[in-house]
């Protein structure tokens, strides 16, 4: 199952979308060296915000930010899957 916050969700319920993102980020404590994933995203987000300020053109650095976010989500998904696999199977 893929995890995603869609544009519609983010636009219609930004508070809910933020809560969903925060819940996902709680998995950072399970990742080795989470700073190596998070810091590049923060840098890309800062550069993107600064480059887009007042401009009416394609968002610079959006591709880099998207790649960084995708890498972070992949790691968090892996952490969640590992936890699922480690849980005992309740059986019949």
PDB file of N, CA and C in Angstrom:
ATOM      1  N   UNK A   1       0.845  -1.173   0.000  1.00  0.00           N
ATOM      2  CA  UNK A   1       0.000   0.000   0.000  1.00  0.00           C
ATOM      3  C   UNK A   1       0.889   1.235   0.000  1.00  0.00           C
ATOM      4  N   UNK A   2       0.648   2.106  -0.939  1.00  0.00           N
ATOM      5  CA  UNK A   2       1.455   3.317  -1.063  1.00  0.00           C
ATOM      6  C   UNK A   2       0.926   4.406  -0.127  1.00  0.00           C
ATOM      7  N   UNK A   3       1.828   5.151   0.431  1.00  0.00           N
ATOM      8  CA  UNK A   3       1.472   6.268   1.289  1.00  0.00           C
ATOM      9  C   UNK A   3       1.585   7.534   0.459  1.00  0.00           C
ATOM     10  N   UNK A   4       0.574   8.377   0.527  1.00  0.00           N
ATOM     11  CA  UNK A   4       0.619   9.616  -0.233  1.00  0.00           C
ATOM     12  C   UNK A   4      -0.347  10.625   0.371  1.00  0.00           C
ATOM     13  N   UNK A   5       0.009  11.866   0.260  1.00  0.00           N
ATOM     14  CA  UNK A   5      -0.909  12.955   0.541  1.00  0.00           C
ATOM     15  C   UNK A   5      -1.145  13.611  -0.809  1.00  0.00           C
ATOM     16  N   UNK A   6      -2.333  13.475  -1.317  1.00  0.00           N
ATOM     17  CA  UNK A   6      -2.654  14.031  -2.624  1.00  0.00           C
ATOM     18  C   UNK A   6      -2.887  15.531  -2.565  1.00  0.00           C
ATOM     19  N   UNK A   7      -2.849  16.136  -3.734  1.00  0.00           N
ATOM     20  CA  UNK A   7      -3.066  17.586  -3.833  1.00  0.00           C
ATOM     21  C   UNK A   7      -4.430  17.965  -3.281  1.00  0.00           C
ATOM     22  N   UNK A   8      -5.449  17.183  -3.624  1.00  0.00           N
ATOM     23  CA  UNK A   8      -6.803  17.480  -3.147  1.00  0.00           C
ATOM     24  C   UNK A   8      -6.857  17.432  -1.634  1.00  0.00           C
ATOM     25  N   UNK A   9      -6.273  16.396  -1.062  1.00  0.00           N
ATOM     26  CA  UNK A   9      -6.249  16.273   0.397  1.00  0.00           C
ATOM     27  C   UNK A   9      -5.518  17.450   1.036  1.00  0.00           C
ATOM     28  N   UNK A  10      -4.362  17.796   0.480  1.00  0.00           N
ATOM     29  CA  UNK A  10      -3.570  18.896   1.038  1.00  0.00           C
ATOM     30  C   UNK A  10      -4.310  20.227   0.938  1.00  0.00           C
ATOM     31  N   UNK A  11      -5.044  20.425  -0.159  1.00  0.00           N
ATOM     32  CA  UNK A  11      -5.749  21.692  -0.356  1.00  0.00           C
ATOM     33  C   UNK A  11      -7.045  21.751   0.459  1.00  0.00           C
ATOM     34  N   UNK A  12      -7.777  20.635   0.532  1.00  0.00           N
ATOM     35  CA  UNK A  12      -9.070  20.630   1.216  1.00  0.00           C
ATOM     36  C   UNK A  12      -8.961  20.487   2.723  1.00  0.00           C
ATOM     37  N   UNK A  13      -7.940  19.792   3.176  1.00  0.00           N
ATOM     38  CA  UNK A  13      -7.771  19.557   4.607  1.00  0.00           C
ATOM     39  C   UNK A  13      -6.292  19.676   4.975  1.00  0.00           C
ATOM     40  N   UNK A  14      -5.759  20.904   4.930  1.00  0.00           N
ATOM     41  CA  UNK A  14      -4.328  21.057   5.209  1.00  0.00           C
ATOM     42  C   UNK A  14      -3.934  20.618   6.623  1.00  0.00           C
ATOM     43  N   UNK A  15      -4.801  20.806   7.589  1.00  0.00           N
ATOM     44  CA  UNK A  15      -4.486  20.388   8.954  1.00  0.00           C
ATOM     45  C   UNK A  15      -4.401  18.860   9.016  1.00  0.00           C
ATOM     46  N   UNK A  16      -5.363  18.192   8.402  1.00  0.00           N
ATOM     47  CA  UNK A  16      -5.339  16.737   8.365  1.00  0.00           C
ATOM     48  C   UNK A  16      -4.121  16.208   7.616  1.00  0.00           C
ATOM     49  N   UNK A  17      -3.772  16.863   6.518  1.00  0.00           N
ATOM     50  CA  UNK A  17      -2.598  16.458   5.744  1.00  0.00           C
ATOM     51  C   UNK A  17      -1.324  16.643   6.571  1.00  0.00           C
ATOM     52  N   UNK A  18      -1.255  17.714   7.321  1.00  0.00           N
ATOM     53  CA  UNK A  18      -0.089  17.941   8.189  1.00  0.00           C
ATOM     54  C   UNK A  18      -0.007  16.870   9.280  1.00  0.00           C
ATOM     55  N   UNK A  19      -1.160  16.525   9.842  1.00  0.00           N
ATOM     56  CA  UNK A  19      -1.171  15.464  10.863  1.00  0.00           C
ATOM     57  C   UNK A  19      -0.698  14.135  10.271  1.00  0.00           C
ATOM     58  N   UNK A  20      -1.151  13.849   9.056  1.00  0.00           N
ATOM     59  CA  UNK A  20      -0.755  12.606   8.389  1.00  0.00           C
ATOM     60  C   UNK A  20       0.759  12.596   8.145  1.00  0.00           C
ATOM     61  N   UNK A  21       1.307  13.728   7.706  1.00  0.00           N
ATOM     62  CA  UNK A  21       2.751  13.831   7.476  1.00  0.00           C
ATOM     63  C   UNK A  21       3.517  13.682   8.790  1.00  0.00           C
ATOM     64  N   UNK A  22       3.023  14.322   9.847  1.00  0.00           N
ATOM     65  CA  UNK A  22       3.692  14.224  11.149  1.00  0.00           C
ATOM     66  C   UNK A  22       3.676  12.790  11.661  1.00  0.00           C
ATOM     67  N   UNK A  23       2.558  12.103  11.478  1.00  0.00           N
ATOM     68  CA  UNK A  23       2.485  10.701  11.897  1.00  0.00           C
ATOM     69  C   UNK A  23       3.527   9.874  11.152  1.00  0.00           C
ATOM     70  N   UNK A  24       3.705  10.146   9.873  1.00  0.00           N
ATOM     71  CA  UNK A  24       4.700   9.419   9.075  1.00  0.00           C
ATOM     72  C   UNK A  24       6.112   9.721   9.584  1.00  0.00           C
ATOM     73  N   UNK A  25       6.365  10.989   9.917  1.00  0.00           N
ATOM     74  CA  UNK A  25       7.701  11.399  10.353  1.00  0.00           C
ATOM     75  C   UNK A  25       8.096  10.811  11.708  1.00  0.00           C
ATOM     76  N   UNK A  26       7.136  10.318  12.461  1.00  0.00           N
ATOM     77  CA  UNK A  26       7.479   9.692  13.739  1.00  0.00           C
ATOM     78  C   UNK A  26       8.378   8.481  13.540  1.00  0.00           C
ATOM     79  N   UNK A  27       8.379   7.924  12.342  1.00  0.00           N
ATOM     80  CA  UNK A  27       9.250   6.798  12.036  1.00  0.00           C
ATOM     81  C   UNK A  27      10.719   7.172  11.904  1.00  0.00           C
ATOM     82  N   UNK A  28      11.030   8.458  11.912  1.00  0.00           N
ATOM     83  CA  UNK A  28      12.434   8.893  11.788  1.00  0.00           C
ATOM     84  C   UNK A  28      13.314   8.321  12.892  1.00  0.00           C
ATOM     85  N   UNK A  29      12.748   8.109  14.067  1.00  0.00           N
ATOM     86  CA  UNK A  29      13.553   7.594  15.176  1.00  0.00           C
ATOM     87  C   UNK A  29      14.064   6.185  14.915  1.00  0.00           C
ATOM     88  N   UNK A  30      13.466   5.499  13.959  1.00  0.00           N
ATOM     89  CA  UNK A  30      13.859   4.133  13.628  1.00  0.00           C
ATOM     90  C   UNK A  30      14.920   4.058  12.525  1.00  0.00           C
ATOM     91  N   UNK A  31      15.213   5.178  11.884  1.00  0.00           N
ATOM     92  CA  UNK A  31      16.140   5.200  10.749  1.00  0.00           C
ATOM     93  C   UNK A  31      17.543   5.544  11.233  1.00  0.00           C
ATOM     94  N   UNK A  32      18.521   4.802  10.716  1.00  0.00           N
ATOM     95  CA  UNK A  32      19.912   5.150  11.004  1.00  0.00           C
ATOM     96  C   UNK A  32      20.226   6.469  10.316  1.00  0.00           C
ATOM     97  N   UNK A  33      20.766   7.411  11.042  1.00  0.00           N
ATOM     98  CA  UNK A  33      21.190   8.709  10.523  1.00  0.00           C
ATOM     99  C   UNK A  33      20.067   9.447   9.786  1.00  0.00           C
ATOM    100  N   UNK A  34      18.961   9.746  10.476  1.00  0.00           N
ATOM    101  CA  UNK A  34      17.855  10.440   9.814  1.00  0.00           C
ATOM    102  C   UNK A  34      18.229  11.831   9.319  1.00  0.00           C
ATOM    103  N   UNK A  35      19.233  12.433   9.938  1.00  0.00           N
ATOM    104  CA  UNK A  35      19.653  13.766   9.514  1.00  0.00           C
ATOM    105  C   UNK A  35      20.122  13.781   8.064  1.00  0.00           C
ATOM    106  N   UNK A  36      20.715  12.665   7.621  1.00  0.00           N
ATOM    107  CA  UNK A  36      21.209  12.621   6.248  1.00  0.00           C
ATOM    108  C   UNK A  36      20.063  12.658   5.246  1.00  0.00           C
ATOM    109  N   UNK A  37      18.860  12.311   5.671  1.00  0.00           N
ATOM    110  CA  UNK A  37      17.692  12.402   4.800  1.00  0.00           C
ATOM    111  C   UNK A  37      16.948  13.723   4.967  1.00  0.00           C
ATOM    112  N   UNK A  38      16.845  14.199   6.199  1.00  0.00           N
ATOM    113  CA  UNK A  38      16.018  15.373   6.485  1.00  0.00           C
ATOM    114  C   UNK A  38      16.708  16.688   6.119  1.00  0.00           C
ATOM    115  N   UNK A  39      17.976  16.814   6.426  1.00  0.00           N
ATOM    116  CA  UNK A  39      18.678  18.079   6.173  1.00  0.00           C
ATOM    117  C   UNK A  39      18.663  18.471   4.692  1.00  0.00           C
ATOM    118  N   UNK A  40      18.933  17.557   3.748  1.00  0.00           N
ATOM    119  CA  UNK A  40      18.844  17.956   2.332  1.00  0.00           C
ATOM    120  C   UNK A  40      17.443  18.436   1.932  1.00  0.00           C
ATOM    121  N   UNK A  41      16.406  17.843   2.526  1.00  0.00           N
ATOM    122  CA  UNK A  41      15.045  18.290   2.224  1.00  0.00           C
ATOM    123  C   UNK A  41      14.834  19.715   2.718  1.00  0.00           C
ATOM    124  N   UNK A  42      15.297  19.995   3.911  1.00  0.00           N
ATOM    125  CA  UNK A  42      15.157  21.359   4.439  1.00  0.00           C
ATOM    126  C   UNK A  42      15.912  22.371   3.582  1.00  0.00           C
ATOM    127  N   UNK A  43      17.110  21.999   3.153  1.00  0.00           N
ATOM    128  CA  UNK A  43      17.892  22.894   2.304  1.00  0.00           C
ATOM    129  C   UNK A  43      17.184  23.118   0.979  1.00  0.00           C
ATOM    130  N   UNK A  44      16.690  22.029   0.344  1.00  0.00           N
ATOM    131  CA  UNK A  44      15.958  22.167  -0.916  1.00  0.00           C
ATOM    132  C   UNK A  44      14.710  23.023  -0.740  1.00  0.00           C
ATOM    133  N   UNK A  45      13.987  22.837   0.365  1.00  0.00           N
ATOM    134  CA  UNK A  45      12.770  23.612   0.608  1.00  0.00           C
ATOM    135  C   UNK A  45      13.093  25.094   0.775  1.00  0.00           C
ATOM    136  N   UNK A  46      14.174  25.398   1.476  1.00  0.00           N
ATOM    137  CA  UNK A  46      14.581  26.802   1.648  1.00  0.00           C
ATOM    138  C   UNK A  46      14.951  27.415   0.303  1.00  0.00           C
ATOM    139  N   UNK A  47      15.766  26.697  -0.477  1.00  0.00           N
ATOM    140  CA  UNK A  47      16.175  27.209  -1.787  1.00  0.00           C
ATOM    141  C   UNK A  47      14.977  27.377  -2.720  1.00  0.00           C
ATOM    142  N   UNK A  48      14.044  26.427  -2.676  1.00  0.00           N
ATOM    143  CA  UNK A  48      12.861  26.519  -3.510  1.00  0.00           C
ATOM    144  C   UNK A  48      12.019  27.732  -3.112  1.00  0.00           C
ATOM    145  N   UNK A  49      11.793  27.915  -1.820  1.00  0.00           N
ATOM    146  CA  UNK A  49      11.002  29.053  -1.359  1.00  0.00           C
ATOM    147  C   UNK A  49      11.657  30.371  -1.751  1.00  0.00           C
ATOM    148  N   UNK A  50      12.962  30.456  -1.597  1.00  0.00           N
ATOM    149  CA  UNK A  50      13.666  31.689  -1.944  1.00  0.00           C
ATOM    150  C   UNK A  50      13.661  31.945  -3.449  1.00  0.00           C
ATOM    151  N   UNK A  51      13.816  30.895  -4.244  1.00  0.00           N
ATOM    152  CA  UNK A  51      13.863  31.084  -5.691  1.00  0.00           C
ATOM    153  C   UNK A  51      12.482  31.391  -6.259  1.00  0.00           C
ATOM    154  N   UNK A  52      11.440  30.957  -5.576  1.00  0.00           N
ATOM    155  CA  UNK A  52      10.088  31.162  -6.081  1.00  0.00           C
ATOM    156  C   UNK A  52       9.461  32.453  -5.574  1.00  0.00           C
ATOM    157  N   UNK A  53      10.076  33.073  -4.580  1.00  0.00           N
ATOM    158  CA  UNK A  53       9.528  34.286  -3.977  1.00  0.00           C
ATOM    159  C   UNK A  53       9.278  35.357  -5.048  1.00  0.00           C
ATOM    160  N   UNK A  54       8.025  35.686  -5.266  1.00  0.00           N
ATOM    161  CA  UNK A  54       7.665  36.752  -6.195  1.00  0.00           C
ATOM    162  C   UNK A  54       7.794  36.394  -7.667  1.00  0.00           C
ATOM    163  N   UNK A  55       8.185  35.189  -7.987  1.00  0.00           N
ATOM    164  CA  UNK A  55       8.391  34.807  -9.388  1.00  0.00           C
ATOM    165  C   UNK A  55       7.114  34.217  -9.972  1.00  0.00           C
ATOM    166  N   UNK A  56       7.005  34.296 -11.291  1.00  0.00           N
ATOM    167  CA  UNK A  56       5.858  33.696 -11.985  1.00  0.00           C
ATOM    168  C   UNK A  56       6.361  32.712 -13.022  1.00  0.00           C
ATOM    169  N   UNK A  57       7.143  31.768 -12.581  1.00  0.00           N
ATOM    170  CA  UNK A  57       7.713  30.780 -13.489  1.00  0.00           C
ATOM    171  C   UNK A  57       7.747  29.433 -12.785  1.00  0.00           C
ATOM    172  N   UNK A  58       8.234  28.425 -13.497  1.00  0.00           N
ATOM    173  CA  UNK A  58       8.343  27.088 -12.927  1.00  0.00           C
ATOM    174  C   UNK A  58       9.150  27.132 -11.639  1.00  0.00           C
ATOM    175  N   UNK A  59       8.761  26.306 -10.701  1.00  0.00           N
ATOM    176  CA  UNK A  59       9.411  26.310  -9.397  1.00  0.00           C
ATOM    177  C   UNK A  59      10.793  25.672  -9.502  1.00  0.00           C
ATOM    178  N   UNK A  60      11.828  26.456  -9.252  1.00  0.00           N
ATOM    179  CA  UNK A  60      13.200  25.975  -9.253  1.00  0.00           C
ATOM    180  C   UNK A  60      13.405  25.082  -8.032  1.00  0.00           C
ATOM    181  N   UNK A  61      14.182  24.053  -8.172  1.00  0.00           N
ATOM    182  CA  UNK A  61      14.538  23.102  -7.115  1.00  0.00           C
ATOM    183  C   UNK A  61      13.407  22.142  -6.764  1.00  0.00           C
ATOM    184  N   UNK A  62      12.259  22.213  -7.442  1.00  0.00           N
ATOM    185  CA  UNK A  62      11.161  21.307  -7.113  1.00  0.00           C
ATOM    186  C   UNK A  62      11.547  19.859  -7.390  1.00  0.00           C
ATOM    187  N   UNK A  63      12.258  19.604  -8.476  1.00  0.00           N
ATOM    188  CA  UNK A  63      12.681  18.229  -8.775  1.00  0.00           C
ATOM    189  C   UNK A  63      13.593  17.676  -7.693  1.00  0.00           C
ATOM    190  N   UNK A  64      14.541  18.490  -7.215  1.00  0.00           N
ATOM    191  CA  UNK A  64      15.453  18.057  -6.162  1.00  0.00           C
ATOM    192  C   UNK A  64      14.685  17.778  -4.869  1.00  0.00           C
ATOM    193  N   UNK A  65      13.751  18.676  -4.535  1.00  0.00           N
ATOM    194  CA  UNK A  65      12.960  18.497  -3.328  1.00  0.00           C
ATOM    195  C   UNK A  65      12.113  17.232  -3.430  1.00  0.00           C
ATOM    196  N   UNK A  66      11.517  17.005  -4.588  1.00  0.00           N
ATOM    197  CA  UNK A  66      10.700  15.808  -4.787  1.00  0.00           C
ATOM    198  C   UNK A  66      11.532  14.550  -4.611  1.00  0.00           C
ATOM    199  N   UNK A  67      12.735  14.515  -5.185  1.00  0.00           N
ATOM    200  CA  UNK A  67      13.608  13.345  -5.024  1.00  0.00           C
ATOM    201  C   UNK A  67      13.972  13.124  -3.555  1.00  0.00           C
ATOM    202  N   UNK A  68      14.263  14.200  -2.844  1.00  0.00           N
ATOM    203  CA  UNK A  68      14.625  14.088  -1.424  1.00  0.00           C
ATOM    204  C   UNK A  68      13.452  13.569  -0.602  1.00  0.00           C
ATOM    205  N   UNK A  69      12.270  14.098  -0.853  1.00  0.00           N
ATOM    206  CA  UNK A  69      11.088  13.651  -0.121  1.00  0.00           C
ATOM    207  C   UNK A  69      10.798  12.187  -0.446  1.00  0.00           C
ATOM    208  N   UNK A  70      10.918  11.810  -1.707  1.00  0.00           N
ATOM    209  CA  UNK A  70      10.693  10.411  -2.095  1.00  0.00           C
ATOM    210  C   UNK A  70      11.651   9.475  -1.362  1.00  0.00           C
ATOM    211  N   UNK A  71      12.909   9.867  -1.235  1.00  0.00           N
ATOM    212  CA  UNK A  71      13.894   9.040  -0.533  1.00  0.00           C
ATOM    213  C   UNK A  71      13.516   8.902   0.944  1.00  0.00           C
ATOM    214  N   UNK A  72      13.084   9.992   1.551  1.00  0.00           N
ATOM    215  CA  UNK A  72      12.675   9.948   2.953  1.00  0.00           C
ATOM    216  C   UNK A  72      11.467   9.035   3.132  1.00  0.00           C
ATOM    217  N   UNK A  73      10.470   9.162   2.278  1.00  0.00           N
ATOM    218  CA  UNK A  73       9.264   8.334   2.378  1.00  0.00           C
ATOM    219  C   UNK A  73       9.609   6.859   2.177  1.00  0.00           C
ATOM    220  N   UNK A  74      10.523   6.556   1.241  1.00  0.00           N
ATOM    221  CA  UNK A  74      10.942   5.162   1.038  1.00  0.00           C
ATOM    222  C   UNK A  74      11.535   4.591   2.323  1.00  0.00           C
ATOM    223  N   UNK A  75      12.390   5.364   2.986  1.00  0.00           N
ATOM    224  CA  UNK A  75      13.011   4.900   4.230  1.00  0.00           C
ATOM    225  C   UNK A  75      11.962   4.700   5.320  1.00  0.00           C
ATOM    226  N   UNK A  76      11.034   5.640   5.437  1.00  0.00           N
ATOM    227  CA  UNK A  76       9.998   5.513   6.461  1.00  0.00           C
ATOM    228  C   UNK A  76       9.079   4.333   6.173  1.00  0.00           C
ATOM    229  N   UNK A  77       8.771   4.093   4.898  1.00  0.00           N
ATOM    230  CA  UNK A  77       7.966   2.924   4.528  1.00  0.00           C
ATOM    231  C   UNK A  77       8.697   1.629   4.887  1.00  0.00           C
ATOM    232  N   UNK A  78      10.002   1.605   4.673  1.00  0.00           N
ATOM    233  CA  UNK A  78      10.796   0.418   4.999  1.00  0.00           C
ATOM    234  C   UNK A  78      10.757   0.148   6.504  1.00  0.00           C
ATOM    235  N   UNK A  79      10.840   1.198   7.301  1.00  0.00           N
ATOM    236  CA  UNK A  79      10.763   1.058   8.755  1.00  0.00           C
ATOM    237  C   UNK A  79       9.409   0.467   9.150  1.00  0.00           C
ATOM    238  N   UNK A  80       8.328   1.000   8.547  1.00  0.00           N
ATOM    239  CA  UNK A  80       6.995   0.492   8.861  1.00  0.00           C
ATOM    240  C   UNK A  80       6.853  -0.975   8.470  1.00  0.00           C
ATOM    241  N   UNK A  81       7.354  -1.342   7.297  1.00  0.00           N
ATOM    242  CA  UNK A  81       7.273  -2.736   6.845  1.00  0.00           C
ATOM    243  C   UNK A  81       8.060  -3.655   7.784  1.00  0.00           C
ATOM    244  N   UNK A  82       9.237  -3.222   8.196  1.00  0.00           N
ATOM    245  CA  UNK A  82      10.044  -4.038   9.105  1.00  0.00           C
ATOM    246  C   UNK A  82       9.301  -4.265  10.419  1.00  0.00           C
ATOM    247  N   UNK A  83       8.619  -3.232  10.921  1.00  0.00           N
ATOM    248  CA  UNK A  83       7.842  -3.390  12.146  1.00  0.00           C
ATOM    249  C   UNK A  83       6.692  -4.372  11.935  1.00  0.00           C
ATOM    250  N   UNK A  84       6.012  -4.266  10.789  1.00  0.00           N
ATOM    251  CA  UNK A  84       4.907  -5.185  10.483  1.00  0.00           C
ATOM    252  C   UNK A  84       5.397  -6.622  10.443  1.00  0.00           C
ATOM    253  N   UNK A  85       6.533  -6.848   9.796  1.00  0.00           N
ATOM    254  CA  UNK A  85       7.068  -8.191   9.656  1.00  0.00           C
ATOM    255  C   UNK A  85       7.522  -8.751  11.000  1.00  0.00           C
ATOM    256  N   UNK A  86       7.940  -7.862  11.893  1.00  0.00           N
ATOM    257  CA  UNK A  86       8.438  -8.303  13.195  1.00  0.00           C
ATOM    258  C   UNK A  86       7.293  -8.620  14.173  1.00  0.00           C
ATOM    259  N   UNK A  87       6.086  -8.138  13.864  1.00  0.00           N
ATOM    260  CA  UNK A  87       4.955  -8.398  14.751  1.00  0.00           C
ATOM    261  C   UNK A  87       4.559  -9.863  14.676  1.00  0.00           C
ATOM    262  N   UNK A  88       4.212 -10.419  15.829  1.00  0.00           N
ATOM    263  CA  UNK A  88       3.752 -11.811  15.810  1.00  0.00           C
ATOM    264  C   UNK A  88       2.440 -11.921  15.048  1.00  0.00           C
ATOM    265  N   UNK A  89       2.280 -13.034  14.385  1.00  0.00           N
ATOM    266  CA  UNK A  89       1.069 -13.280  13.626  1.00  0.00           C
ATOM    267  C   UNK A  89       0.013 -13.805  14.580  1.00  0.00           C
ATOM    268  N   UNK A  90      -1.104 -13.099  14.663  1.00  0.00           N
ATOM    269  CA  UNK A  90      -2.181 -13.622  15.477  1.00  0.00           C
ATOM    270  C   UNK A  90      -2.979 -14.586  14.610  1.00  0.00           C
ATOM    271  N   UNK A  91      -3.044 -15.784  15.058  1.00  0.00           N
ATOM    272  CA  UNK A  91      -3.617 -16.804  14.191  1.00  0.00           C
ATOM    273  C   UNK A  91      -4.803 -17.514  14.795  1.00  0.00           C
ATOM    274  N   UNK A  92      -5.257 -18.373  13.976  1.00  0.00           N
ATOM    275  CA  UNK A  92      -6.443 -19.126  14.361  1.00  0.00           C
ATOM    276  C   UNK A  92      -6.077 -20.395  15.068  1.00  0.00           C
TER     277      UNK A  92
END
